[in-house]
Structures are given as C-alpha cells and as structure tokens.
PDB file of all heavy atoms in Angstrom:
ATOM      1  N   LEU A   1      -0.454  29.801  18.341  1.00  0.00           N
ATOM      2  CA  LEU A   1      -1.795  29.770  18.931  1.00  0.00           C
ATOM      3  C   LEU A   1      -2.048  31.055  19.720  1.00  0.00           C
ATOM      4  O   LEU A   1      -1.116  31.655  20.235  1.00  0.00           O
ATOM      5  CB  LEU A   1      -1.938  28.587  19.854  1.00  0.00           C
ATOM      6  CG  LEU A   1      -1.615  27.196  19.274  1.00  0.00           C
ATOM      7  CD1 LEU A   1      -1.589  26.142  20.360  1.00  0.00           C
ATOM      8  CD2 LEU A   1      -2.577  26.871  18.153  1.00  0.00           C
ATOM      9  N   SER A   2      -3.307  31.435  19.842  1.00  0.00           N
ATOM     10  CA  SER A   2      -3.657  32.563  20.633  1.00  0.00           C
ATOM     11  C   SER A   2      -3.505  32.198  22.136  1.00  0.00           C
ATOM     12  O   SER A   2      -3.396  31.004  22.485  1.00  0.00           O
ATOM     13  CB  SER A   2      -5.118  33.006  20.371  1.00  0.00           C
ATOM     14  OG  SER A   2      -6.012  31.978  20.821  1.00  0.00           O
ATOM     15  N   ASP A   3      -3.531  33.198  23.009  1.00  0.00           N
ATOM     16  CA  ASP A   3      -3.397  32.950  24.421  1.00  0.00           C
ATOM     17  C   ASP A   3      -4.478  32.038  24.948  1.00  0.00           C
ATOM     18  O   ASP A   3      -4.292  31.296  25.887  1.00  0.00           O
ATOM     19  CB  ASP A   3      -3.420  34.272  25.210  1.00  0.00           C
ATOM     20  CG  ASP A   3      -2.130  35.056  25.028  1.00  0.00           C
ATOM     21  OD1 ASP A   3      -1.078  34.444  24.667  1.00  0.00           O
ATOM     22  OD2 ASP A   3      -2.148  36.270  25.248  1.00  0.00           O
ATOM     23  N   GLY A   4      -5.657  32.097  24.334  1.00  0.00           N
ATOM     24  CA  GLY A   4      -6.787  31.293  24.771  1.00  0.00           C
ATOM     25  C   GLY A   4      -6.734  29.839  24.246  1.00  0.00           C
ATOM     26  O   GLY A   4      -7.601  29.055  24.553  1.00  0.00           O
ATOM     27  N   PHE A   5      -5.727  29.491  23.474  1.00  0.00           N
ATOM     28  CA  PHE A   5      -5.473  28.186  22.880  1.00  0.00           C
ATOM     29  C   PHE A   5      -6.568  27.747  21.906  1.00  0.00           C
ATOM     30  O   PHE A   5      -6.253  27.327  20.797  1.00  0.00           O
ATOM     31  CB  PHE A   5      -5.321  27.123  23.984  1.00  0.00           C
ATOM     32  CG  PHE A   5      -4.863  25.777  23.425  1.00  0.00           C
ATOM     33  CD1 PHE A   5      -3.555  25.585  23.006  1.00  0.00           C
ATOM     34  CD2 PHE A   5      -5.745  24.728  23.265  1.00  0.00           C
ATOM     35  CE1 PHE A   5      -3.157  24.389  22.461  1.00  0.00           C
ATOM     36  CE2 PHE A   5      -5.351  23.523  22.745  1.00  0.00           C
ATOM     37  CZ  PHE A   5      -4.048  23.343  22.334  1.00  0.00           C
ATOM     38  N   HIS A   6      -7.851  27.890  22.247  1.00  0.00           N
ATOM     39  CA  HIS A   6      -8.883  27.485  21.340  1.00  0.00           C
ATOM     40  C   HIS A   6      -9.345  28.595  20.430  1.00  0.00           C
ATOM     41  O   HIS A   6     -10.356  28.486  19.740  1.00  0.00           O
ATOM     42  CB  HIS A   6     -10.061  26.928  22.123  1.00  0.00           C
ATOM     43  CG  HIS A   6      -9.757  25.642  22.808  1.00  0.00           C
ATOM     44  ND1 HIS A   6      -9.553  24.462  22.157  1.00  0.00           N
ATOM     45  CD2 HIS A   6      -9.580  25.359  24.114  1.00  0.00           C
ATOM     46  CE1 HIS A   6      -9.280  23.493  22.992  1.00  0.00           C
ATOM     47  NE2 HIS A   6      -9.280  24.002  24.209  1.00  0.00           N
ATOM     48  N   GLY A   7      -8.606  29.687  20.357  1.00  0.00           N
ATOM     49  CA  GLY A   7      -8.968  30.841  19.499  1.00  0.00           C
ATOM     50  C   GLY A   7      -8.289  30.779  18.159  1.00  0.00           C
ATOM     51  O   GLY A   7      -8.046  29.724  17.611  1.00  0.00           O
ATOM     52  N   GLU A   8      -7.972  31.946  17.645  1.00  0.00           N
ATOM     53  CA  GLU A   8      -7.337  32.065  16.358  1.00  0.00           C
ATOM     54  C   GLU A   8      -5.932  31.494  16.403  1.00  0.00           C
ATOM     55  O   GLU A   8      -5.303  31.400  17.433  1.00  0.00           O
ATOM     56  CB  GLU A   8      -7.310  33.548  15.962  1.00  0.00           C
ATOM     57  CG  GLU A   8      -8.668  34.146  15.736  1.00  0.00           C
ATOM     58  CD  GLU A   8      -8.592  35.587  15.296  1.00  0.00           C
ATOM     59  OE1 GLU A   8      -7.541  35.994  14.775  1.00  0.00           O
ATOM     60  OE2 GLU A   8      -9.581  36.272  15.477  1.00  0.00           O
ATOM     61  N   TRP A   9      -5.462  31.064  15.233  1.00  0.00           N
ATOM     62  CA  TRP A   9      -4.161  30.495  15.096  1.00  0.00           C
ATOM     63  C   TRP A   9      -3.638  30.727  13.674  1.00  0.00           C
ATOM     64  O   TRP A   9      -4.410  31.057  12.770  1.00  0.00           O
ATOM     65  CB  TRP A   9      -4.141  29.017  15.451  1.00  0.00           C
ATOM     66  CG  TRP A   9      -5.006  28.210  14.481  1.00  0.00           C
ATOM     67  CD1 TRP A   9      -6.361  28.026  14.599  1.00  0.00           C
ATOM     68  CD2 TRP A   9      -4.587  27.522  13.327  1.00  0.00           C
ATOM     69  NE1 TRP A   9      -6.798  27.270  13.548  1.00  0.00           N
ATOM     70  CE2 TRP A   9      -5.737  26.938  12.746  1.00  0.00           C
ATOM     71  CE3 TRP A   9      -3.351  27.329  12.722  1.00  0.00           C
ATOM     72  CZ2 TRP A   9      -5.695  26.180  11.557  1.00  0.00           C
ATOM     73  CZ3 TRP A   9      -3.327  26.563  11.536  1.00  0.00           C
ATOM     74  CH2 TRP A   9      -4.488  25.974  10.984  1.00  0.00           C
ATOM     75  N   ILE A  10      -2.359  30.506  13.478  1.00  0.00           N
ATOM     76  CA  ILE A  10      -1.767  30.620  12.139  1.00  0.00           C
ATOM     77  C   ILE A  10      -0.582  29.663  12.092  1.00  0.00           C
ATOM     78  O   ILE A  10       0.097  29.391  13.068  1.00  0.00           O
ATOM     79  CB  ILE A  10      -1.327  32.019  11.780  1.00  0.00           C
ATOM     80  CG1 ILE A  10      -0.924  32.128  10.337  1.00  0.00           C
ATOM     81  CG2 ILE A  10      -0.213  32.526  12.698  1.00  0.00           C
ATOM     82  CD1 ILE A  10      -0.777  33.531   9.819  1.00  0.00           C
ATOM     83  N   GLN A  11      -0.386  29.063  10.927  1.00  0.00           N
ATOM     84  CA  GLN A  11       0.796  28.235  10.702  1.00  0.00           C
ATOM     85  C   GLN A  11       1.715  28.959   9.718  1.00  0.00           C
ATOM     86  O   GLN A  11       1.217  29.469   8.686  1.00  0.00           O
ATOM     87  CB  GLN A  11       0.441  26.863  10.103  1.00  0.00           C
ATOM     88  CG  GLN A  11       1.654  26.011   9.804  1.00  0.00           C
ATOM     89  CD  GLN A  11       1.360  24.633   9.373  1.00  0.00           C
ATOM     90  OE1 GLN A  11       0.488  23.985   9.961  1.00  0.00           O
ATOM     91  NE2 GLN A  11       2.027  24.169   8.318  1.00  0.00           N
ATOM     92  N   VAL A  12       2.952  29.039  10.051  1.00  0.00           N
ATOM     93  CA  VAL A  12       3.966  29.676   9.204  1.00  0.00           C
ATOM     94  C   VAL A  12       4.957  28.631   8.720  1.00  0.00           C
ATOM     95  O   VAL A  12       5.470  27.856   9.531  1.00  0.00           O
ATOM     96  CB  VAL A  12       4.702  30.792  10.012  1.00  0.00           C
ATOM     97  CG1 VAL A  12       5.837  31.369   9.197  1.00  0.00           C
ATOM     98  CG2 VAL A  12       3.724  31.883  10.468  1.00  0.00           C
ATOM     99  N   ASP A  13       5.191  28.579   7.440  1.00  0.00           N
ATOM    100  CA  ASP A  13       6.181  27.642   6.866  1.00  0.00           C
ATOM    101  C   ASP A  13       7.290  28.483   6.282  1.00  0.00           C
ATOM    102  O   ASP A  13       7.077  29.552   5.712  1.00  0.00           O
ATOM    103  CB  ASP A  13       5.528  26.817   5.761  1.00  0.00           C
ATOM    104  CG  ASP A  13       4.368  26.014   6.222  1.00  0.00           C
ATOM    105  OD1 ASP A  13       4.468  25.357   7.303  1.00  0.00           O
ATOM    106  OD2 ASP A  13       3.312  26.024   5.559  1.00  0.00           O
ATOM    107  N   GLY A  14       8.527  27.953   6.417  1.00  0.00           N
ATOM    108  CA  GLY A  14       9.652  28.660   5.854  1.00  0.00           C
ATOM    109  C   GLY A  14      10.968  27.950   6.090  1.00  0.00           C
ATOM    110  O   GLY A  14      10.967  26.768   6.451  1.00  0.00           O
ATOM    111  N   ARG A  15      12.030  28.688   5.919  1.00  0.00           N
ATOM    112  CA  ARG A  15      13.370  28.149   6.125  1.00  0.00           C
ATOM    113  C   ARG A  15      13.997  28.910   7.270  1.00  0.00           C
ATOM    114  O   ARG A  15      13.954  30.143   7.351  1.00  0.00           O
ATOM    115  CB  ARG A  15      14.214  28.345   4.867  1.00  0.00           C
ATOM    116  CG  ARG A  15      13.658  27.491   3.714  1.00  0.00           C
ATOM    117  CD  ARG A  15      14.665  27.255   2.648  1.00  0.00           C
ATOM    118  NE  ARG A  15      14.139  26.338   1.682  1.00  0.00           N
ATOM    119  CZ  ARG A  15      14.300  25.010   1.668  1.00  0.00           C
ATOM    120  NH1 ARG A  15      15.048  24.463   2.623  1.00  0.00           N
ATOM    121  NH2 ARG A  15      13.760  24.272   0.748  1.00  0.00           N
ATOM    122  N   ALA A  16      14.591  28.109   8.165  1.00  0.00           N
ATOM    123  CA  ALA A  16      15.176  28.674   9.419  1.00  0.00           C
ATOM    124  C   ALA A  16      16.663  28.651   9.339  1.00  0.00           C
ATOM    125  O   ALA A  16      17.264  27.772   8.711  1.00  0.00           O
ATOM    126  CB  ALA A  16      14.642  27.876  10.634  1.00  0.00           C
ATOM    127  N   THR A  17      17.260  29.603  10.064  1.00  0.00           N
ATOM    128  CA  THR A  17      18.700  29.597  10.270  1.00  0.00           C
ATOM    129  C   THR A  17      18.954  29.723  11.752  1.00  0.00           C
ATOM    130  O   THR A  17      18.169  30.298  12.503  1.00  0.00           O
ATOM    131  CB  THR A  17      19.416  30.739   9.566  1.00  0.00           C
ATOM    132  OG1 THR A  17      18.836  31.990   9.942  1.00  0.00           O
ATOM    133  CG2 THR A  17      19.306  30.610   8.050  1.00  0.00           C
ATOM    134  N   VAL A  18      20.070  29.168  12.196  1.00  0.00           N
ATOM    135  CA  VAL A  18      20.515  29.288  13.592  1.00  0.00           C
ATOM    136  C   VAL A  18      21.579  30.357  13.639  1.00  0.00           C
ATOM    137  O   VAL A  18      22.608  30.272  12.960  1.00  0.00           O
ATOM    138  CB  VAL A  18      21.070  27.948  14.112  1.00  0.00           C
ATOM    139  CG1 VAL A  18      21.525  28.082  15.542  1.00  0.00           C
ATOM    140  CG2 VAL A  18      20.059  26.826  13.948  1.00  0.00           C
ATOM    141  N   VAL A  19      21.339  31.395  14.438  1.00  0.00           N
ATOM    142  CA  VAL A  19      22.292  32.460  14.616  1.00  0.00           C
ATOM    143  C   VAL A  19      22.904  32.265  15.983  1.00  0.00           C
ATOM    144  O   VAL A  19      22.249  32.391  17.031  1.00  0.00           O
ATOM    145  CB  VAL A  19      21.629  33.890  14.495  1.00  0.00           C
ATOM    146  CG1 VAL A  19      22.669  34.956  14.650  1.00  0.00           C
ATOM    147  CG2 VAL A  19      20.851  34.011  13.197  1.00  0.00           C
ATOM    148  N   SER A  20      24.206  31.951  16.002  1.00  0.00           N
ATOM    149  CA  SER A  20      24.930  31.633  17.234  1.00  0.00           C
ATOM    150  C   SER A  20      25.625  32.901  17.756  1.00  0.00           C
ATOM    151  O   SER A  20      25.795  33.868  17.045  1.00  0.00           O
ATOM    152  CB  SER A  20      25.950  30.545  16.993  1.00  0.00           C
ATOM    153  OG  SER A  20      25.360  29.358  16.563  1.00  0.00           O
ATOM    154  N   LEU A  21      26.045  32.818  19.022  1.00  0.00           N
ATOM    155  CA  LEU A  21      26.835  33.880  19.613  1.00  0.00           C
ATOM    156  C   LEU A  21      28.230  33.937  18.935  1.00  0.00           C
ATOM    157  O   LEU A  21      28.711  32.888  18.515  1.00  0.00           O
ATOM    158  CB  LEU A  21      27.002  33.670  21.118  1.00  0.00           C
ATOM    159  CG  LEU A  21      25.696  33.794  21.928  1.00  0.00           C
ATOM    160  CD1 LEU A  21      25.891  33.314  23.337  1.00  0.00           C
ATOM    161  CD2 LEU A  21      25.237  35.278  21.905  1.00  0.00           C
ATOM    162  N   PRO A  22      28.816  35.039  18.800  1.00  0.00           N
ATOM    163  CA  PRO A  22      28.469  36.342  19.309  1.00  0.00           C
ATOM    164  C   PRO A  22      27.429  37.110  18.416  1.00  0.00           C
ATOM    165  O   PRO A  22      26.842  38.097  18.856  1.00  0.00           O
ATOM    166  CB  PRO A  22      29.795  37.108  19.385  1.00  0.00           C
ATOM    167  CG  PRO A  22      30.574  36.548  18.266  1.00  0.00           C
ATOM    168  CD  PRO A  22      30.179  35.082  18.195  1.00  0.00           C
ATOM    169  N   GLU A  23      27.224  36.671  17.176  1.00  0.00           N
ATOM    170  CA  GLU A  23      26.347  37.366  16.273  1.00  0.00           C
ATOM    171  C   GLU A  23      24.887  37.430  16.807  1.00  0.00           C
ATOM    172  O   GLU A  23      24.138  38.320  16.469  1.00  0.00           O
ATOM    173  CB  GLU A  23      26.321  36.718  14.895  1.00  0.00           C
ATOM    174  CG  GLU A  23      27.649  36.861  14.140  1.00  0.00           C
ATOM    175  CD  GLU A  23      28.654  35.834  14.556  1.00  0.00           C
ATOM    176  OE1 GLU A  23      28.308  34.828  15.222  1.00  0.00           O
ATOM    177  OE2 GLU A  23      29.825  36.032  14.225  1.00  0.00           O
ATOM    178  N   ALA A  24      24.503  36.488  17.641  1.00  0.00           N
ATOM    179  CA  ALA A  24      23.142  36.406  18.143  1.00  0.00           C
ATOM    180  C   ALA A  24      22.844  37.379  19.277  1.00  0.00           C
ATOM    181  O   ALA A  24      21.677  37.584  19.618  1.00  0.00           O
ATOM    182  CB  ALA A  24      22.818  34.983  18.633  1.00  0.00           C
ATOM    183  N   MET A  25      23.874  38.014  19.856  1.00  0.00           N
ATOM    184  CA  MET A  25      23.625  38.823  21.061  1.00  0.00           C
ATOM    185  C   MET A  25      22.611  39.953  20.864  1.00  0.00           C
ATOM    186  O   MET A  25      21.664  40.079  21.617  1.00  0.00           O
ATOM    187  CB  MET A  25      24.945  39.377  21.630  1.00  0.00           C
ATOM    188  CG  MET A  25      24.739  40.014  22.968  1.00  0.00           C
ATOM    189  SD  MET A  25      24.037  38.923  24.276  1.00  0.00           S
ATOM    190  CE  MET A  25      25.453  37.926  24.621  1.00  0.00           C
ATOM    191  N   GLU A  26      22.849  40.796  19.865  1.00  0.00           N
ATOM    192  CA  GLU A  26      21.878  41.909  19.648  1.00  0.00           C
ATOM    193  C   GLU A  26      20.492  41.404  19.231  1.00  0.00           C
ATOM    194  O   GLU A  26      19.519  41.925  19.726  1.00  0.00           O
ATOM    195  CB  GLU A  26      22.463  42.931  18.716  1.00  0.00           C
ATOM    196  CG  GLU A  26      23.590  43.728  19.342  1.00  0.00           C
ATOM    197  CD  GLU A  26      23.304  44.235  20.739  1.00  0.00           C
ATOM    198  OE1 GLU A  26      22.284  44.905  20.947  1.00  0.00           O
ATOM    199  OE2 GLU A  26      24.096  43.949  21.654  1.00  0.00           O
ATOM    200  N   PRO A  27      20.410  40.374  18.369  1.00  0.00           N
ATOM    201  CA  PRO A  27      19.059  39.800  18.137  1.00  0.00           C
ATOM    202  C   PRO A  27      18.388  39.249  19.374  1.00  0.00           C
ATOM    203  O   PRO A  27      17.175  39.329  19.571  1.00  0.00           O
ATOM    204  CB  PRO A  27      19.316  38.742  17.069  1.00  0.00           C
ATOM    205  CG  PRO A  27      20.552  39.179  16.343  1.00  0.00           C
ATOM    206  CD  PRO A  27      21.402  39.838  17.387  1.00  0.00           C
TER     207      PRO A  27
END
C-alpha cells in the first residue's frame, strides 16, 4: 500500500524463501 493507505497499491504473487543467518547477514 502507499503511505496514504487509500492511494495506489499493488499485489505481488510469487514464491518465497527464508534466508537464515549467517547467509542472511549481508542481505
């Protein structure tokens, strides 16, 4: 959602992965 909440918005669909530490530190 936009900062104004009632403004523009977008929905993104996809596949997620969980990157754990220590690999997650730089991301």
